[in-house]
Amino acid sequence: MSGELPSFAKYVFLLGFIVSVIMGGWSFLSPESWCAITEWPTEIVSVRVVGALLLTLAVAAILAFRAKSWKEVELYVLTIICFSILGAVAMVWDIAVNGLPLIGLLNTGLLVLFFVLYTYVYYRCK
């Protein structure tokens, strides 16, 4: 590739932005509501910090969406790949040990989906 980003990569970044804004915004602004609706263990500070992380990833995703070249987004893509792997392992571990609610499976599925999408972007653009 000549260093430019394919449109598929832009759509993946946009999807990452949307999911991060929804989940991150909700858990950051209203962690009590997030915990009540998802039946997530109620640790308000932890939920709010995860929300802040997801909002930060949303900002990175929209900046990646606006980027023109692979070099501008390579570190972001590698970060999401690493986050997705570690997040999925953590979710499976917690589901097995603590019996997290059904939303844990949804989160795990989203992490695996983003791992696959961003890995595809990585190998297509590298």
N, C-alpha and C. Protein backbone atom coordinates (compact mmCIF):
# COMPACT_ATOMS: atom_id res chain seq x y z
N MET A 1 0.82 -1.18 0.00
CA MET A 1 0.00 0.00 0.00
C MET A 1 0.86 1.25 0.00
N SER A 2 0.38 2.32 -0.56
CA SER A 2 1.15 3.54 -0.70
C SER A 2 1.11 4.42 0.54
N GLY A 3 0.58 3.93 1.63
CA GLY A 3 0.53 4.71 2.86
C GLY A 3 -0.81 5.37 3.11
N GLU A 4 -1.68 5.36 2.11
CA GLU A 4 -3.00 5.96 2.34
C GLU A 4 -3.95 4.94 2.96
N LEU A 5 -4.95 5.45 3.64
CA LEU A 5 -5.89 4.58 4.34
C LEU A 5 -7.05 4.17 3.45
N PRO A 6 -7.37 2.88 3.43
CA PRO A 6 -8.55 2.44 2.67
C PRO A 6 -9.83 2.90 3.38
N SER A 7 -10.90 2.99 2.62
CA SER A 7 -12.16 3.45 3.22
C SER A 7 -12.66 2.49 4.29
N PHE A 8 -12.36 1.18 4.14
CA PHE A 8 -12.75 0.21 5.15
C PHE A 8 -12.19 0.59 6.52
N ALA A 9 -10.94 1.03 6.56
CA ALA A 9 -10.31 1.43 7.81
C ALA A 9 -11.06 2.60 8.43
N LYS A 10 -11.46 3.54 7.61
CA LYS A 10 -12.20 4.70 8.11
C LYS A 10 -13.53 4.27 8.74
N TYR A 11 -14.21 3.31 8.12
CA TYR A 11 -15.47 2.82 8.68
C TYR A 11 -15.25 2.10 10.00
N VAL A 12 -14.15 1.35 10.11
CA VAL A 12 -13.82 0.68 11.37
C VAL A 12 -13.57 1.72 12.45
N PHE A 13 -12.83 2.78 12.12
CA PHE A 13 -12.56 3.85 13.09
C PHE A 13 -13.86 4.53 13.51
N LEU A 14 -14.75 4.75 12.57
CA LEU A 14 -16.03 5.39 12.87
C LEU A 14 -16.88 4.49 13.78
N LEU A 15 -16.90 3.20 13.51
CA LEU A 15 -17.63 2.26 14.37
C LEU A 15 -17.04 2.26 15.78
N GLY A 16 -15.71 2.26 15.87
CA GLY A 16 -15.06 2.33 17.18
C GLY A 16 -15.43 3.60 17.92
N PHE A 17 -15.51 4.70 17.20
CA PHE A 17 -15.91 5.98 17.80
C PHE A 17 -17.33 5.90 18.35
N ILE A 18 -18.25 5.39 17.56
CA ILE A 18 -19.66 5.33 17.97
C ILE A 18 -19.84 4.45 19.21
N VAL A 19 -19.27 3.26 19.18
CA VAL A 19 -19.39 2.34 20.32
C VAL A 19 -18.74 2.95 21.56
N SER A 20 -17.58 3.55 21.41
CA SER A 20 -16.88 4.13 22.56
C SER A 20 -17.64 5.32 23.14
N VAL A 21 -18.24 6.14 22.29
CA VAL A 21 -19.00 7.29 22.79
C VAL A 21 -20.24 6.81 23.55
N ILE A 22 -20.94 5.84 23.00
CA ILE A 22 -22.16 5.37 23.67
C ILE A 22 -21.83 4.71 25.01
N MET A 23 -20.96 3.71 24.98
CA MET A 23 -20.65 2.99 26.21
C MET A 23 -19.84 3.86 27.18
N GLY A 24 -18.88 4.60 26.66
CA GLY A 24 -18.05 5.44 27.52
C GLY A 24 -18.82 6.61 28.10
N GLY A 25 -19.61 7.26 27.27
CA GLY A 25 -20.39 8.40 27.76
C GLY A 25 -21.38 7.99 28.83
N TRP A 26 -22.06 6.88 28.58
CA TRP A 26 -23.05 6.40 29.54
C TRP A 26 -22.40 6.03 30.87
N SER A 27 -21.33 5.24 30.80
CA SER A 27 -20.70 4.80 32.06
C SER A 27 -19.95 5.93 32.76
N PHE A 28 -19.51 6.94 32.03
CA PHE A 28 -18.82 8.07 32.65
C PHE A 28 -19.81 9.04 33.30
N LEU A 29 -20.88 9.35 32.57
CA LEU A 29 -21.84 10.35 33.06
C LEU A 29 -22.84 9.79 34.06
N SER A 30 -23.17 8.52 33.92
CA SER A 30 -24.18 7.94 34.81
C SER A 30 -23.82 6.50 35.18
N PRO A 31 -22.75 6.33 35.96
CA PRO A 31 -22.32 4.97 36.30
C PRO A 31 -23.38 4.19 37.08
N GLU A 32 -24.18 4.90 37.89
CA GLU A 32 -25.23 4.21 38.64
C GLU A 32 -26.24 3.59 37.68
N SER A 33 -26.62 4.34 36.67
CA SER A 33 -27.57 3.86 35.66
C SER A 33 -26.97 2.69 34.88
N TRP A 34 -25.71 2.82 34.50
CA TRP A 34 -25.02 1.74 33.77
C TRP A 34 -25.04 0.46 34.59
N CYS A 35 -24.70 0.57 35.87
CA CYS A 35 -24.65 -0.61 36.74
C CYS A 35 -26.04 -1.21 36.94
N ALA A 36 -27.05 -0.37 37.07
CA ALA A 36 -28.41 -0.87 37.30
C ALA A 36 -28.96 -1.59 36.07
N ILE A 37 -28.79 -1.02 34.91
CA ILE A 37 -29.37 -1.61 33.70
C ILE A 37 -28.60 -2.84 33.24
N THR A 38 -27.27 -2.81 33.37
CA THR A 38 -26.47 -3.94 32.90
C THR A 38 -26.25 -5.00 33.97
N GLU A 39 -26.68 -4.72 35.20
CA GLU A 39 -26.46 -5.61 36.34
C GLU A 39 -24.96 -5.80 36.62
N TRP A 40 -24.19 -4.80 36.24
CA TRP A 40 -22.75 -4.83 36.46
C TRP A 40 -22.47 -4.60 37.94
N PRO A 41 -21.43 -5.22 38.49
CA PRO A 41 -21.11 -4.96 39.91
C PRO A 41 -20.95 -3.47 40.16
N THR A 42 -21.53 -2.99 41.23
CA THR A 42 -21.58 -1.55 41.49
C THR A 42 -20.29 -1.06 42.14
N GLU A 43 -19.40 -0.60 41.32
CA GLU A 43 -18.17 0.06 41.77
C GLU A 43 -18.09 1.35 40.95
N ILE A 44 -18.77 2.37 41.43
CA ILE A 44 -19.00 3.60 40.67
C ILE A 44 -17.70 4.21 40.15
N VAL A 45 -16.70 4.30 40.99
CA VAL A 45 -15.44 4.93 40.57
C VAL A 45 -14.81 4.14 39.43
N SER A 46 -14.77 2.83 39.54
CA SER A 46 -14.19 1.99 38.49
C SER A 46 -14.96 2.13 37.18
N VAL A 47 -16.28 2.14 37.27
CA VAL A 47 -17.11 2.28 36.07
C VAL A 47 -16.86 3.63 35.41
N ARG A 48 -16.74 4.68 36.22
CA ARG A 48 -16.50 6.02 35.68
C ARG A 48 -15.11 6.11 35.03
N VAL A 49 -14.11 5.46 35.61
CA VAL A 49 -12.76 5.47 35.04
C VAL A 49 -12.76 4.72 33.70
N VAL A 50 -13.45 3.58 33.63
CA VAL A 50 -13.56 2.85 32.36
C VAL A 50 -14.29 3.72 31.33
N GLY A 51 -15.31 4.44 31.77
CA GLY A 51 -16.00 5.37 30.87
C GLY A 51 -15.06 6.44 30.33
N ALA A 52 -14.21 6.97 31.20
CA ALA A 52 -13.22 7.97 30.77
C ALA A 52 -12.26 7.38 29.75
N LEU A 53 -11.82 6.14 29.99
CA LEU A 53 -10.94 5.46 29.04
C LEU A 53 -11.63 5.31 27.69
N LEU A 54 -12.88 4.87 27.70
CA LEU A 54 -13.60 4.68 26.43
C LEU A 54 -13.82 6.00 25.71
N LEU A 55 -14.08 7.07 26.45
CA LEU A 55 -14.22 8.38 25.80
C LEU A 55 -12.90 8.84 25.20
N THR A 56 -11.80 8.52 25.87
CA THR A 56 -10.47 8.84 25.33
C THR A 56 -10.23 8.07 24.04
N LEU A 57 -10.61 6.78 24.02
CA LEU A 57 -10.49 5.99 22.79
C LEU A 57 -11.40 6.52 21.69
N ALA A 58 -12.54 7.09 22.07
CA ALA A 58 -13.44 7.70 21.08
C ALA A 58 -12.77 8.90 20.41
N VAL A 59 -12.09 9.72 21.21
CA VAL A 59 -11.36 10.86 20.65
C VAL A 59 -10.27 10.37 19.70
N ALA A 60 -9.53 9.35 20.12
CA ALA A 60 -8.49 8.78 19.26
C ALA A 60 -9.09 8.21 17.98
N ALA A 61 -10.26 7.59 18.07
CA ALA A 61 -10.90 7.00 16.89
C ALA A 61 -11.31 8.07 15.90
N ILE A 62 -11.85 9.18 16.38
CA ILE A 62 -12.28 10.23 15.45
C ILE A 62 -11.06 10.92 14.83
N LEU A 63 -9.98 11.03 15.58
CA LEU A 63 -8.74 11.57 15.00
C LEU A 63 -8.19 10.61 13.95
N ALA A 64 -8.27 9.31 14.22
CA ALA A 64 -7.83 8.32 13.22
C ALA A 64 -8.73 8.38 11.99
N PHE A 65 -10.01 8.58 12.18
CA PHE A 65 -10.95 8.70 11.07
C PHE A 65 -10.58 9.87 10.16
N ARG A 66 -10.11 10.94 10.75
CA ARG A 66 -9.75 12.15 9.99
C ARG A 66 -8.36 12.06 9.35
N ALA A 67 -7.55 11.09 9.78
CA ALA A 67 -6.18 10.96 9.28
C ALA A 67 -6.17 10.54 7.81
N LYS A 68 -5.08 10.84 7.16
CA LYS A 68 -4.94 10.53 5.74
C LYS A 68 -3.96 9.39 5.46
N SER A 69 -3.03 9.14 6.37
CA SER A 69 -2.00 8.14 6.09
C SER A 69 -1.92 7.09 7.20
N TRP A 70 -1.34 5.96 6.84
CA TRP A 70 -1.17 4.85 7.77
C TRP A 70 -0.29 5.26 8.95
N LYS A 71 0.75 6.00 8.70
CA LYS A 71 1.68 6.40 9.75
C LYS A 71 0.97 7.20 10.85
N GLU A 72 -0.07 7.94 10.48
CA GLU A 72 -0.81 8.73 11.46
C GLU A 72 -1.66 7.87 12.39
N VAL A 73 -2.02 6.67 11.97
CA VAL A 73 -2.95 5.84 12.75
C VAL A 73 -2.34 4.53 13.24
N GLU A 74 -1.14 4.22 12.85
CA GLU A 74 -0.55 2.93 13.18
C GLU A 74 -0.53 2.68 14.69
N LEU A 75 -0.09 3.64 15.48
CA LEU A 75 -0.02 3.46 16.93
C LEU A 75 -1.42 3.27 17.52
N TYR A 76 -2.39 4.02 17.01
CA TYR A 76 -3.78 3.87 17.48
C TYR A 76 -4.29 2.45 17.20
N VAL A 77 -4.06 1.95 16.00
CA VAL A 77 -4.53 0.62 15.62
C VAL A 77 -3.87 -0.44 16.51
N LEU A 78 -2.58 -0.35 16.74
CA LEU A 78 -1.89 -1.31 17.61
C LEU A 78 -2.40 -1.22 19.05
N THR A 79 -2.70 -0.03 19.51
CA THR A 79 -3.25 0.15 20.86
C THR A 79 -4.60 -0.55 21.00
N ILE A 80 -5.47 -0.40 20.01
CA ILE A 80 -6.79 -1.03 20.07
C ILE A 80 -6.66 -2.55 19.98
N ILE A 81 -5.74 -3.03 19.17
CA ILE A 81 -5.52 -4.48 19.09
C ILE A 81 -5.10 -5.01 20.47
N CYS A 82 -4.16 -4.35 21.11
CA CYS A 82 -3.70 -4.76 22.44
C CYS A 82 -4.82 -4.66 23.47
N PHE A 83 -5.54 -3.55 23.47
CA PHE A 83 -6.65 -3.35 24.40
C PHE A 83 -7.72 -4.42 24.21
N SER A 84 -8.01 -4.76 22.97
CA SER A 84 -9.05 -5.75 22.68
C SER A 84 -8.65 -7.14 23.19
N ILE A 85 -7.41 -7.52 22.97
CA ILE A 85 -6.94 -8.82 23.45
C ILE A 85 -7.00 -8.88 24.98
N LEU A 86 -6.39 -7.90 25.63
CA LEU A 86 -6.35 -7.90 27.09
C LEU A 86 -7.75 -7.77 27.68
N GLY A 87 -8.59 -6.95 27.07
CA GLY A 87 -9.96 -6.79 27.55
C GLY A 87 -10.76 -8.06 27.43
N ALA A 88 -10.63 -8.76 26.31
CA ALA A 88 -11.36 -10.02 26.11
C ALA A 88 -10.90 -11.08 27.11
N VAL A 89 -9.59 -11.17 27.33
CA VAL A 89 -9.07 -12.12 28.31
C VAL A 89 -9.60 -11.78 29.70
N ALA A 90 -9.59 -10.50 30.07
CA ALA A 90 -10.10 -10.08 31.38
C ALA A 90 -11.59 -10.40 31.52
N MET A 91 -12.35 -10.17 30.46
CA MET A 91 -13.79 -10.44 30.53
C MET A 91 -14.06 -11.94 30.68
N VAL A 92 -13.39 -12.76 29.91
CA VAL A 92 -13.59 -14.21 30.02
C VAL A 92 -13.19 -14.69 31.41
N TRP A 93 -12.09 -14.18 31.91
CA TRP A 93 -11.62 -14.53 33.24
C TRP A 93 -12.67 -14.16 34.30
N ASP A 94 -13.19 -12.93 34.23
CA ASP A 94 -14.19 -12.50 35.21
C ASP A 94 -15.51 -13.24 35.06
N ILE A 95 -15.89 -13.57 33.85
CA ILE A 95 -17.12 -14.35 33.65
C ILE A 95 -16.96 -15.73 34.30
N ALA A 96 -15.79 -16.34 34.10
CA ALA A 96 -15.53 -17.67 34.67
C ALA A 96 -15.43 -17.64 36.19
N VAL A 97 -14.78 -16.64 36.74
CA VAL A 97 -14.53 -16.59 38.18
C VAL A 97 -15.69 -15.95 38.95
N ASN A 98 -16.20 -14.83 38.44
CA ASN A 98 -17.19 -14.07 39.19
C ASN A 98 -18.61 -14.19 38.65
N GLY A 99 -18.77 -14.85 37.52
CA GLY A 99 -20.09 -15.00 36.96
C GLY A 99 -20.76 -13.69 36.60
N LEU A 100 -20.07 -12.87 35.81
CA LEU A 100 -20.63 -11.58 35.41
C LEU A 100 -21.94 -11.78 34.64
N PRO A 101 -22.79 -10.76 34.62
CA PRO A 101 -24.07 -10.87 33.92
C PRO A 101 -23.89 -10.97 32.41
N LEU A 102 -25.00 -11.11 31.72
CA LEU A 102 -25.02 -11.28 30.28
C LEU A 102 -24.27 -10.17 29.53
N ILE A 103 -24.29 -8.97 30.05
CA ILE A 103 -23.59 -7.87 29.39
C ILE A 103 -22.10 -8.17 29.27
N GLY A 104 -21.57 -9.02 30.14
CA GLY A 104 -20.16 -9.41 30.03
C GLY A 104 -19.88 -10.15 28.74
N LEU A 105 -20.84 -10.98 28.31
CA LEU A 105 -20.67 -11.67 27.02
C LEU A 105 -20.74 -10.69 25.86
N LEU A 106 -21.62 -9.69 25.97
CA LEU A 106 -21.70 -8.67 24.93
C LEU A 106 -20.39 -7.89 24.84
N ASN A 107 -19.87 -7.49 25.98
CA ASN A 107 -18.58 -6.78 26.00
C ASN A 107 -17.47 -7.63 25.41
N THR A 108 -17.45 -8.91 25.76
CA THR A 108 -16.43 -9.81 25.22
C THR A 108 -16.57 -9.92 23.71
N GLY A 109 -17.81 -10.06 23.25
CA GLY A 109 -18.06 -10.14 21.80
C GLY A 109 -17.60 -8.89 21.08
N LEU A 110 -17.87 -7.71 21.66
CA LEU A 110 -17.43 -6.45 21.04
C LEU A 110 -15.90 -6.37 21.00
N LEU A 111 -15.26 -6.79 22.08
CA LEU A 111 -13.79 -6.77 22.10
C LEU A 111 -13.21 -7.70 21.05
N VAL A 112 -13.77 -8.89 20.90
CA VAL A 112 -13.29 -9.83 19.88
C VAL A 112 -13.56 -9.27 18.49
N LEU A 113 -14.74 -8.68 18.28
CA LEU A 113 -15.06 -8.08 16.99
C LEU A 113 -14.06 -6.98 16.64
N PHE A 114 -13.78 -6.10 17.59
CA PHE A 114 -12.82 -5.03 17.31
C PHE A 114 -11.40 -5.57 17.12
N PHE A 115 -11.05 -6.63 17.82
CA PHE A 115 -9.75 -7.26 17.59
C PHE A 115 -9.64 -7.73 16.14
N VAL A 116 -10.66 -8.41 15.66
CA VAL A 116 -10.66 -8.92 14.28
C VAL A 116 -10.61 -7.76 13.28
N LEU A 117 -11.47 -6.76 13.48
CA LEU A 117 -11.52 -5.63 12.54
C LEU A 117 -10.21 -4.85 12.50
N TYR A 118 -9.66 -4.53 13.66
CA TYR A 118 -8.43 -3.74 13.69
C TYR A 118 -7.22 -4.56 13.23
N THR A 119 -7.22 -5.85 13.50
CA THR A 119 -6.14 -6.70 12.99
C THR A 119 -6.20 -6.75 11.47
N TYR A 120 -7.40 -6.83 10.92
CA TYR A 120 -7.55 -6.80 9.46
C TYR A 120 -7.04 -5.48 8.90
N VAL A 121 -7.41 -4.38 9.54
CA VAL A 121 -6.92 -3.06 9.10
C VAL A 121 -5.39 -3.03 9.17
N TYR A 122 -4.84 -3.55 10.26
CA TYR A 122 -3.38 -3.54 10.42
C TYR A 122 -2.69 -4.26 9.27
N TYR A 123 -3.12 -5.48 8.99
CA TYR A 123 -2.46 -6.27 7.94
C TYR A 123 -2.76 -5.73 6.54
N ARG A 124 -3.90 -5.10 6.37
CA ARG A 124 -4.22 -4.53 5.06
C ARG A 124 -3.41 -3.27 4.79
N CYS A 125 -3.16 -2.50 5.83
CA CYS A 125 -2.45 -1.22 5.64
C CYS A 125 -0.95 -1.32 5.84
N LYS A 126 -0.49 -2.32 6.54
CA LYS A 126 0.93 -2.44 6.85
C LYS A 126 1.74 -2.67 5.62
